[in-house]
Amino acid sequence: MNSQFEKEVKASLLGKRVEEKLEYTAEILVPISRENRLYEQPYPVYGRDIWNAYEFYYRDEGKNVHVCRCRIEYPQSSPYIVESKSLKLYLNSFYKRSYQSPEQVEKQIKTDLEAIIKDTVSVRFLDIESEATAIPETYICLEKHVQDIRSFKELQFKEKQLSETVYTHTFRSLCPVTSQPDFASIIIYYEGKQIEYESLLSYLVSFSEHQGFHEQCIDQIFNMIASQRHVKHCAVQGLFTRRGGIDINPFRSTLPDKELYLNLSRQ
């Protein structure tokens, strides 16, 4: 870890005991710098980070409790991200406070997060009973087409030109602070020469003991694919399973209008 990252982690609440009864304060939020991003791109980069907090509730002026899924989105170009445990504790502190309307709560969260990440933030409350989305049948599941996982060396390509969307549920990485495993489904869209599925899945599986935040892992995968001379355009979405009641879904694309986002039942 570099010195800046070490300072940010030490300031965070990862791996630390906290008081059970937290009062609301935006000061609990901890920013993590994106300064070590892997982009050396001769290509455009678009995208955003999407967070879903499933354990959010607040009270109205009549002290009635309102439960919802809080969806937070901000651009992939923001100077900072927010450390996840600090966000969880921050959101959980709202249960003691009363608000006139859901819009007032959304505005408060938006204001506090924008001060931390130094960019525009979108906050929306979704129905807690909203259903998960299914992966489209046109998407290709890599593990159903690969019999042998080999040690990864480089991405291999076939001569066929196409555009397709592939995915895997086998992605695993490690938290860079706690070394606890994180799991995700990875969806990849690309245009150009066809990537051999064996080499692509081998590359994604090679992250199984890699230490990196969710955003960093998706940055690295996107950078690897987008930098290939046989790839004209690509988009990568990581759908990470929730930890602490929050799932994180980084999205990166060379296309400004491309969308891959799903909300899977495993999350």
C-alpha atoms as a PDB file:
ATOM      1  CA  MET A   1       0.000   0.000   0.000  1.00  0.00           C
ATOM      2  CA  ASN A   2       1.192   3.527  -0.737  1.00  0.00           C
ATOM      3  CA  SER A   3       1.395   6.147   2.024  1.00  0.00           C
ATOM      4  CA  GLN A   4      -1.740   8.052   0.941  1.00  0.00           C
ATOM      5  CA  PHE A   5      -3.816   4.874   0.841  1.00  0.00           C
ATOM      6  CA  GLU A   6      -2.487   3.809   4.255  1.00  0.00           C
ATOM      7  CA  LYS A   7      -3.510   7.170   5.717  1.00  0.00           C
ATOM      8  CA  GLU A   8      -7.017   6.860   4.259  1.00  0.00           C
ATOM      9  CA  VAL A   9      -7.440   3.305   5.540  1.00  0.00           C
ATOM     10  CA  LYS A  10      -6.230   4.248   9.019  1.00  0.00           C
ATOM     11  CA  ALA A  11      -8.799   7.055   9.041  1.00  0.00           C
ATOM     12  CA  SER A  12     -11.549   4.609   8.100  1.00  0.00           C
ATOM     13  CA  LEU A  13     -13.504   2.283  10.380  1.00  0.00           C
ATOM     14  CA  LEU A  14     -12.512  -0.937   8.612  1.00  0.00           C
ATOM     15  CA  GLY A  15     -11.602  -3.592  11.159  1.00  0.00           C
ATOM     16  CA  LYS A  16     -12.393  -1.310  14.112  1.00  0.00           C
ATOM     17  CA  ARG A  17     -14.931  -1.603  16.892  1.00  0.00           C
ATOM     18  CA  VAL A  18     -17.586   1.122  16.897  1.00  0.00           C
ATOM     19  CA  GLU A  19     -20.218   2.228  19.372  1.00  0.00           C
ATOM     20  CA  GLU A  20     -23.583   0.577  18.794  1.00  0.00           C
ATOM     21  CA  LYS A  21     -25.535   3.831  19.174  1.00  0.00           C
ATOM     22  CA  LEU A  22     -24.299   6.327  16.606  1.00  0.00           C
ATOM     23  CA  GLU A  23     -25.610   9.843  16.327  1.00  0.00           C
ATOM     24  CA  TYR A  24     -26.054  11.347  12.868  1.00  0.00           C
ATOM     25  CA  THR A  25     -22.924  13.078  11.593  1.00  0.00           C
ATOM     26  CA  ALA A  26     -21.462  13.459   8.109  1.00  0.00           C
ATOM     27  CA  GLU A  27     -17.999  13.485   9.696  1.00  0.00           C
ATOM     28  CA  ILE A  28     -18.101   9.698   9.917  1.00  0.00           C
ATOM     29  CA  LEU A  29     -17.804   9.444   6.108  1.00  0.00           C
ATOM     30  CA  VAL A  30     -14.279   8.602   4.920  1.00  0.00           C
ATOM     31  CA  PRO A  31     -13.060   9.385   1.368  1.00  0.00           C
ATOM     32  CA  ILE A  32     -10.688   7.059  -0.513  1.00  0.00           C
ATOM     33  CA  SER A  33      -8.682   8.643  -3.323  1.00  0.00           C
ATOM     34  CA  ARG A  34      -8.878   7.269  -6.874  1.00  0.00           C
ATOM     35  CA  GLU A  35      -5.348   8.578  -7.563  1.00  0.00           C
ATOM     36  CA  ASN A  36      -3.922   5.108  -8.291  1.00  0.00           C
ATOM     37  CA  ARG A  37      -6.310   4.267 -11.125  1.00  0.00           C
ATOM     38  CA  LEU A  38      -4.831   2.115 -13.850  1.00  0.00           C
ATOM     39  CA  TYR A  39      -6.026   4.098 -16.837  1.00  0.00           C
ATOM     40  CA  GLU A  40      -3.361   4.981 -19.367  1.00  0.00           C
ATOM     41  CA  GLN A  41      -6.048   5.332 -21.955  1.00  0.00           C
ATOM     42  CA  PRO A  42      -5.897   6.445 -25.544  1.00  0.00           C
ATOM     43  CA  TYR A  43      -9.662   5.785 -25.398  1.00  0.00           C
ATOM     44  CA  PRO A  44     -12.597   7.561 -23.718  1.00  0.00           C
ATOM     45  CA  VAL A  45     -13.862   6.288 -20.369  1.00  0.00           C
ATOM     46  CA  TYR A  46     -17.467   6.655 -19.224  1.00  0.00           C
ATOM     47  CA  GLY A  47     -19.305   5.079 -16.330  1.00  0.00           C
ATOM     48  CA  ARG A  48     -20.396   5.349 -12.737  1.00  0.00           C
ATOM     49  CA  ASP A  49     -20.398   3.545  -9.417  1.00  0.00           C
ATOM     50  CA  ILE A  50     -23.794   2.309  -8.234  1.00  0.00           C
ATOM     51  CA  TRP A  51     -24.388   1.472  -4.565  1.00  0.00           C
ATOM     52  CA  ASN A  52     -27.526  -0.141  -3.146  1.00  0.00           C
ATOM     53  CA  ALA A  53     -28.059   0.102   0.609  1.00  0.00           C
ATOM     54  CA  TYR A  54     -30.750  -2.369   1.673  1.00  0.00           C
ATOM     55  CA  GLU A  55     -30.762  -1.599   5.398  1.00  0.00           C
ATOM     56  CA  PHE A  56     -31.875   2.028   5.324  1.00  0.00           C
ATOM     57  CA  TYR A  57     -34.738   3.543   7.252  1.00  0.00           C
ATOM     58  CA  TYR A  58     -35.719   6.880   8.725  1.00  0.00           C
ATOM     59  CA  ARG A  59     -38.643   8.419  10.598  1.00  0.00           C
ATOM     60  CA  ASP A  60     -41.163  11.020   9.501  1.00  0.00           C
ATOM     61  CA  GLU A  61     -42.430  13.815  11.748  1.00  0.00           C
ATOM     62  CA  GLY A  62     -45.020  11.465  13.202  1.00  0.00           C
ATOM     63  CA  LYS A  63     -42.200   9.061  14.210  1.00  0.00           C
ATOM     64  CA  ASN A  64     -43.412   6.479  11.685  1.00  0.00           C
ATOM     65  CA  VAL A  65     -40.622   4.316  10.310  1.00  0.00           C
ATOM     66  CA  HIS A  66     -39.989   4.234   6.541  1.00  0.00           C
ATOM     67  CA  VAL A  67     -37.872   1.450   5.065  1.00  0.00           C
ATOM     68  CA  CYS A  68     -36.426   1.572   1.557  1.00  0.00           C
ATOM     69  CA  ARG A  69     -33.500   0.665  -0.635  1.00  0.00           C
ATOM     70  CA  CYS A  70     -31.215   3.671  -0.970  1.00  0.00           C
ATOM     71  CA  ARG A  71     -29.500   3.812  -4.371  1.00  0.00           C
ATOM     72  CA  ILE A  72     -26.461   6.058  -4.651  1.00  0.00           C
ATOM     73  CA  GLU A  73     -24.687   6.802  -7.934  1.00  0.00           C
ATOM     74  CA  TYR A  74     -21.705   8.952  -8.811  1.00  0.00           C
ATOM     75  CA  PRO A  75     -19.351   9.282 -11.804  1.00  0.00           C
ATOM     76  CA  GLN A  76     -16.339   7.026 -12.304  1.00  0.00           C
ATOM     77  CA  SER A  77     -14.325  10.229 -12.759  1.00  0.00           C
ATOM     78  CA  SER A  78     -14.901  11.473  -9.196  1.00  0.00           C
ATOM     79  CA  PRO A  79     -11.654  12.264  -7.341  1.00  0.00           C
ATOM     80  CA  TYR A  80     -12.780  10.135  -4.393  1.00  0.00           C
ATOM     81  CA  ILE A  81     -14.975   7.189  -3.512  1.00  0.00           C
ATOM     82  CA  VAL A  82     -16.507   6.679  -0.079  1.00  0.00           C
ATOM     83  CA  GLU A  83     -15.234   3.912   2.205  1.00  0.00           C
ATOM     84  CA  SER A  84     -18.024   1.345   2.553  1.00  0.00           C
ATOM     85  CA  LYS A  85     -18.111   0.775   6.314  1.00  0.00           C
ATOM     86  CA  SER A  86     -18.214   4.501   6.984  1.00  0.00           C
ATOM     87  CA  LEU A  87     -21.143   4.772   4.545  1.00  0.00           C
ATOM     88  CA  LYS A  88     -22.985   1.931   6.270  1.00  0.00           C
ATOM     89  CA  LEU A  89     -22.617   3.541   9.693  1.00  0.00           C
ATOM     90  CA  TYR A  90     -23.564   6.945   8.310  1.00  0.00           C
ATOM     91  CA  LEU A  91     -26.765   5.588   6.728  1.00  0.00           C
ATOM     92  CA  ASN A  92     -27.649   3.594   9.840  1.00  0.00           C
ATOM     93  CA  SER A  93     -27.533   6.788  11.940  1.00  0.00           C
ATOM     94  CA  PHE A  94     -30.668   8.114  10.178  1.00  0.00           C
ATOM     95  CA  TYR A  95     -33.002   5.846  12.154  1.00  0.00           C
ATOM     96  CA  LYS A  96     -33.050   8.287  15.064  1.00  0.00           C
ATOM     97  CA  ARG A  97     -33.889  11.395  13.038  1.00  0.00           C
ATOM     98  CA  SER A  98     -37.235  12.663  11.788  1.00  0.00           C
ATOM     99  CA  TYR A  99     -37.776  14.303   8.403  1.00  0.00           C
ATOM    100  CA  GLN A 100     -40.626  16.119   6.695  1.00  0.00           C
ATOM    101  CA  SER A 101     -40.361  14.130   3.457  1.00  0.00           C
ATOM    102  CA  PRO A 102     -38.258  11.495   1.648  1.00  0.00           C
ATOM    103  CA  GLU A 103     -36.984  14.278  -0.593  1.00  0.00           C
ATOM    104  CA  GLN A 104     -35.488  16.000   2.433  1.00  0.00           C
ATOM    105  CA  VAL A 105     -33.621  12.815   3.383  1.00  0.00           C
ATOM    106  CA  GLU A 106     -32.372  12.283  -0.155  1.00  0.00           C
ATOM    107  CA  LYS A 107     -31.129  15.875  -0.277  1.00  0.00           C
ATOM    108  CA  GLN A 108     -29.259  15.466   3.014  1.00  0.00           C
ATOM    109  CA  ILE A 109     -27.469  12.319   1.827  1.00  0.00           C
ATOM    110  CA  LYS A 110     -26.675  13.913  -1.533  1.00  0.00           C
ATOM    111  CA  THR A 111     -25.194  17.010   0.113  1.00  0.00           C
ATOM    112  CA  ASP A 112     -23.051  15.030   2.553  1.00  0.00           C
ATOM    113  CA  LEU A 113     -21.687  12.632  -0.075  1.00  0.00           C
ATOM    114  CA  GLU A 114     -20.923  15.354  -2.605  1.00  0.00           C
ATOM    115  CA  ALA A 115     -18.774  17.064   0.019  1.00  0.00           C
ATOM    116  CA  ILE A 116     -16.774  13.828   0.400  1.00  0.00           C
ATOM    117  CA  ILE A 117     -16.305  12.611  -3.169  1.00  0.00           C
ATOM    118  CA  LYS A 118     -16.048  16.088  -4.722  1.00  0.00           C
ATOM    119  CA  ASP A 119     -18.496  15.339  -7.547  1.00  0.00           C
ATOM    120  CA  THR A 120     -22.192  15.081  -8.348  1.00  0.00           C
ATOM    121  CA  VAL A 121     -24.152  12.374  -6.510  1.00  0.00           C
ATOM    122  CA  SER A 122     -27.577  10.919  -7.311  1.00  0.00           C
ATOM    123  CA  VAL A 123     -29.687   9.544  -4.441  1.00  0.00           C
ATOM    124  CA  ARG A 124     -32.964   7.674  -4.970  1.00  0.00           C
ATOM    125  CA  PHE A 125     -35.202   5.670  -2.646  1.00  0.00           C
ATOM    126  CA  LEU A 126     -36.516   2.442  -4.190  1.00  0.00           C
ATOM    127  CA  ASP A 127     -39.237   0.063  -3.063  1.00  0.00           C
ATOM    128  CA  ILE A 128     -37.716  -2.503  -0.706  1.00  0.00           C
ATOM    129  CA  GLU A 129     -39.824  -5.199  -2.408  1.00  0.00           C
ATOM    130  CA  SER A 130     -38.650  -4.430  -5.945  1.00  0.00           C
ATOM    131  CA  GLU A 131     -37.685  -7.604  -7.777  1.00  0.00           C
ATOM    132  CA  ALA A 132     -34.270  -8.588  -9.060  1.00  0.00           C
ATOM    133  CA  THR A 133     -33.627  -8.574 -12.798  1.00  0.00           C
ATOM    134  CA  ALA A 134     -32.697 -11.625 -14.849  1.00  0.00           C
ATOM    135  CA  ILE A 135     -29.696 -11.848 -17.142  1.00  0.00           C
ATOM    136  CA  PRO A 136     -30.895 -11.642 -20.775  1.00  0.00           C
ATOM    137  CA  GLU A 137     -30.851 -14.932 -22.678  1.00  0.00           C
ATOM    138  CA  THR A 138     -28.648 -13.353 -25.351  1.00  0.00           C
ATOM    139  CA  TYR A 139     -25.783 -12.951 -22.858  1.00  0.00           C
ATOM    140  CA  ILE A 140     -23.227 -15.787 -22.940  1.00  0.00           C
ATOM    141  CA  CYS A 141     -22.210 -17.485 -19.672  1.00  0.00           C
ATOM    142  CA  LEU A 142     -18.470 -18.135 -19.900  1.00  0.00           C
ATOM    143  CA  GLU A 143     -18.328 -21.032 -17.443  1.00  0.00           C
ATOM    144  CA  LYS A 144     -20.887 -22.936 -19.533  1.00  0.00           C
ATOM    145  CA  HIS A 145     -18.566 -22.748 -22.544  1.00  0.00           C
ATOM    146  CA  VAL A 146     -15.220 -23.424 -20.860  1.00  0.00           C
ATOM    147  CA  GLN A 147     -14.121 -26.835 -19.649  1.00  0.00           C
ATOM    148  CA  ASP A 148     -10.553 -26.116 -18.569  1.00  0.00           C
ATOM    149  CA  ILE A 149      -9.268 -23.086 -16.675  1.00  0.00           C
ATOM    150  CA  ARG A 150      -5.611 -22.547 -17.465  1.00  0.00           C
ATOM    151  CA  SER A 151      -2.996 -20.273 -15.969  1.00  0.00           C
ATOM    152  CA  PHE A 152      -3.566 -16.838 -17.468  1.00  0.00           C
ATOM    153  CA  LYS A 153      -0.861 -15.395 -19.749  1.00  0.00           C
ATOM    154  CA  GLU A 154      -2.665 -13.079 -22.184  1.00  0.00           C
ATOM    155  CA  LEU A 155      -6.013 -12.631 -23.890  1.00  0.00           C
ATOM    156  CA  GLN A 156      -6.342 -14.694 -27.056  1.00  0.00           C
ATOM    157  CA  PHE A 157      -8.478 -13.726 -30.061  1.00  0.00           C
ATOM    158  CA  LYS A 158     -10.169 -15.473 -32.967  1.00  0.00           C
ATOM    159  CA  GLU A 159     -10.424 -13.942 -36.436  1.00  0.00           C
ATOM    160  CA  LYS A 160     -14.207 -13.550 -36.311  1.00  0.00           C
ATOM    161  CA  GLN A 161     -15.450  -9.964 -35.945  1.00  0.00           C
ATOM    162  CA  LEU A 162     -18.535  -9.481 -33.751  1.00  0.00           C
ATOM    163  CA  SER A 163     -20.171  -7.690 -30.862  1.00  0.00           C
ATOM    164  CA  GLU A 164     -21.339  -9.772 -27.899  1.00  0.00           C
ATOM    165  CA  THR A 165     -22.019  -9.694 -24.181  1.00  0.00           C
ATOM    166  CA  VAL A 166     -20.536 -12.354 -21.917  1.00  0.00           C
ATOM    167  CA  TYR A 167     -20.648 -12.855 -18.169  1.00  0.00           C
ATOM    168  CA  THR A 168     -19.423 -15.003 -15.317  1.00  0.00           C
ATOM    169  CA  HIS A 169     -20.620 -15.632 -11.771  1.00  0.00           C
ATOM    170  CA  THR A 170     -17.216 -17.000 -10.707  1.00  0.00           C
ATOM    171  CA  PHE A 171     -15.423 -13.746  -9.895  1.00  0.00           C
ATOM    172  CA  ARG A 172     -13.699 -13.525  -6.537  1.00  0.00           C
ATOM    173  CA  SER A 173     -11.248 -10.988  -5.113  1.00  0.00           C
ATOM    174  CA  LEU A 174      -9.972  -9.952  -1.680  1.00  0.00           C
ATOM    175  CA  CYS A 175     -10.523  -6.808   0.364  1.00  0.00           C
ATOM    176  CA  PRO A 176      -7.174  -4.967   0.434  1.00  0.00           C
ATOM    177  CA  VAL A 177      -7.615  -4.161   4.134  1.00  0.00           C
ATOM    178  CA  THR A 178      -9.233  -7.206   5.753  1.00  0.00           C
ATOM    179  CA  SER A 179      -8.288  -9.875   3.134  1.00  0.00           C
ATOM    180  CA  GLN A 180     -11.887 -11.136   3.320  1.00  0.00           C
ATOM    181  CA  PRO A 181     -13.244 -12.488  -0.010  1.00  0.00           C
ATOM    182  CA  ASP A 182     -15.600 -10.506  -2.212  1.00  0.00           C
ATOM    183  CA  PHE A 183     -17.786 -12.186  -4.848  1.00  0.00           C
ATOM    184  CA  ALA A 184     -19.323 -10.799  -8.016  1.00  0.00           C
ATOM    185  CA  SER A 185     -20.894 -11.441 -11.371  1.00  0.00           C
ATOM    186  CA  ILE A 186     -18.964  -9.687 -14.137  1.00  0.00           C
ATOM    187  CA  ILE A 187     -20.691  -8.625 -17.379  1.00  0.00           C
ATOM    188  CA  ILE A 188     -18.571  -7.654 -20.399  1.00  0.00           C
ATOM    189  CA  TYR A 189     -19.701  -6.196 -23.704  1.00  0.00           C
ATOM    190  CA  TYR A 190     -17.202  -5.755 -26.504  1.00  0.00           C
ATOM    191  CA  GLU A 191     -16.888  -5.120 -30.234  1.00  0.00           C
ATOM    192  CA  GLY A 192     -14.036  -6.416 -32.365  1.00  0.00           C
ATOM    193  CA  LYS A 193     -12.338  -9.751 -32.834  1.00  0.00           C
ATOM    194  CA  GLN A 194     -13.869 -12.499 -30.708  1.00  0.00           C
ATOM    195  CA  ILE A 195     -12.056 -13.092 -27.444  1.00  0.00           C
ATOM    196  CA  GLU A 196     -11.385 -16.760 -26.740  1.00  0.00           C
ATOM    197  CA  TYR A 197     -13.603 -17.633 -23.804  1.00  0.00           C
ATOM    198  CA  GLU A 198     -10.936 -19.784 -22.135  1.00  0.00           C
ATOM    199  CA  SER A 199      -8.444 -16.933 -21.969  1.00  0.00           C
ATOM    200  CA  LEU A 200     -11.051 -14.404 -20.803  1.00  0.00           C
ATOM    201  CA  LEU A 201     -12.411 -16.618 -18.033  1.00  0.00           C
ATOM    202  CA  SER A 202      -8.864 -17.539 -16.992  1.00  0.00           C
ATOM    203  CA  TYR A 203      -8.088 -13.845 -16.689  1.00  0.00           C
ATOM    204  CA  LEU A 204     -11.158 -13.150 -14.539  1.00  0.00           C
ATOM    205  CA  VAL A 205     -10.492 -16.185 -12.312  1.00  0.00           C
ATOM    206  CA  SER A 206      -6.914 -14.966 -11.793  1.00  0.00           C
ATOM    207  CA  PHE A 207      -8.347 -12.252  -9.500  1.00  0.00           C
ATOM    208  CA  SER A 208      -9.338 -14.852  -6.877  1.00  0.00           C
ATOM    209  CA  GLU A 209      -6.469 -13.861  -4.554  1.00  0.00           C
ATOM    210  CA  HIS A 210      -6.005 -10.309  -5.840  1.00  0.00           C
ATOM    211  CA  GLN A 211      -6.428  -7.568  -3.231  1.00  0.00           C
ATOM    212  CA  GLY A 212      -8.384  -4.587  -4.482  1.00  0.00           C
ATOM    213  CA  PHE A 213     -11.502  -2.551  -3.832  1.00  0.00           C
ATOM    214  CA  HIS A 214     -14.442  -3.322  -6.124  1.00  0.00           C
ATOM    215  CA  GLU A 215     -13.884  -0.171  -8.155  1.00  0.00           C
ATOM    216  CA  GLN A 216     -10.182  -0.925  -8.606  1.00  0.00           C
ATOM    217  CA  CYS A 217     -10.874  -4.463  -9.828  1.00  0.00           C
ATOM    218  CA  ILE A 218     -13.340  -3.242 -12.454  1.00  0.00           C
ATOM    219  CA  ASP A 219     -10.947  -0.462 -13.493  1.00  0.00           C
ATOM    220  CA  GLN A 220      -8.264  -3.085 -14.046  1.00  0.00           C
ATOM    221  CA  ILE A 221     -10.501  -5.450 -16.039  1.00  0.00           C
ATOM    222  CA  PHE A 222     -11.821  -2.615 -18.171  1.00  0.00           C
ATOM    223  CA  ASN A 223      -8.332  -1.280 -18.811  1.00  0.00           C
ATOM    224  CA  MET A 224      -7.087  -4.721 -19.851  1.00  0.00           C
ATOM    225  CA  ILE A 225      -9.871  -5.261 -22.399  1.00  0.00           C
ATOM    226  CA  ALA A 226     -10.099  -1.696 -23.722  1.00  0.00           C
ATOM    227  CA  SER A 227      -6.340  -1.569 -24.353  1.00  0.00           C
ATOM    228  CA  GLN A 228      -6.380  -4.626 -26.650  1.00  0.00           C
ATOM    229  CA  ARG A 229      -5.738  -3.633 -30.272  1.00  0.00           C
ATOM    230  CA  HIS A 230      -8.367  -6.122 -31.470  1.00  0.00           C
ATOM    231  CA  VAL A 231     -11.101  -4.489 -29.347  1.00  0.00           C
ATOM    232  CA  LYS A 232     -12.915  -1.471 -30.803  1.00  0.00           C
ATOM    233  CA  HIS A 233     -15.259  -0.768 -27.887  1.00  0.00           C
ATOM    234  CA  CYS A 234     -16.068  -2.402 -24.573  1.00  0.00           C
ATOM    235  CA  ALA A 235     -18.046  -2.031 -21.357  1.00  0.00           C
ATOM    236  CA  VAL A 236     -17.562  -3.812 -18.020  1.00  0.00           C
ATOM    237  CA  GLN A 237     -20.004  -4.063 -15.109  1.00  0.00           C
ATOM    238  CA  GLY A 238     -19.189  -5.622 -11.757  1.00  0.00           C
ATOM    239  CA  LEU A 239     -22.226  -6.787  -9.762  1.00  0.00           C
ATOM    240  CA  PHE A 240     -20.764  -7.491  -6.320  1.00  0.00           C
ATOM    241  CA  THR A 241     -22.710  -9.343  -3.669  1.00  0.00           C
ATOM    242  CA  ARG A 242     -23.661  -7.239  -0.685  1.00  0.00           C
ATOM    243  CA  ARG A 243     -21.554  -6.874   2.413  1.00  0.00           C
ATOM    244  CA  GLY A 244     -22.897  -5.053   5.439  1.00  0.00           C
ATOM    245  CA  GLY A 245     -26.216  -4.591   3.653  1.00  0.00           C
ATOM    246  CA  ILE A 246     -24.640  -2.741   0.690  1.00  0.00           C
ATOM    247  CA  ASP A 247     -23.822  -3.976  -2.812  1.00  0.00           C
ATOM    248  CA  ILE A 248     -21.439  -2.035  -5.080  1.00  0.00           C
ATOM    249  CA  ASN A 249     -21.701  -2.080  -8.869  1.00  0.00           C
ATOM    250  CA  PRO A 250     -18.924  -0.242 -10.751  1.00  0.00           C
ATOM    251  CA  PHE A 251     -19.519   0.338 -14.482  1.00  0.00           C
ATOM    252  CA  ARG A 252     -16.941   1.395 -17.090  1.00  0.00           C
ATOM    253  CA  SER A 253     -17.401   1.864 -20.840  1.00  0.00           C
ATOM    254  CA  THR A 254     -15.766   3.367 -23.921  1.00  0.00           C
ATOM    255  CA  LEU A 255     -19.272   4.164 -25.177  1.00  0.00           C
ATOM    256  CA  PRO A 256     -21.173   7.106 -23.631  1.00  0.00           C
ATOM    257  CA  ASP A 257     -24.664   5.573 -23.942  1.00  0.00           C
ATOM    258  CA  LYS A 258     -23.983   1.910 -23.147  1.00  0.00           C
ATOM    259  CA  GLU A 259     -25.943   0.327 -20.281  1.00  0.00           C
ATOM    260  CA  LEU A 260     -25.404  -3.109 -18.727  1.00  0.00           C
ATOM    261  CA  TYR A 261     -26.709  -2.610 -15.200  1.00  0.00           C
ATOM    262  CA  LEU A 262     -28.754  -5.400 -13.647  1.00  0.00           C
ATOM    263  CA  ASN A 263     -29.718  -6.186 -10.064  1.00  0.00           C
ATOM    264  CA  LEU A 264     -29.259  -9.917  -9.588  1.00  0.00           C
ATOM    265  CA  SER A 265     -30.995 -12.145  -7.051  1.00  0.00           C
ATOM    266  CA  ARG A 266     -27.609 -13.301  -5.666  1.00  0.00           C
ATOM    267  CA  GLN A 267     -26.872  -9.766  -4.560  1.00  0.00           C
END
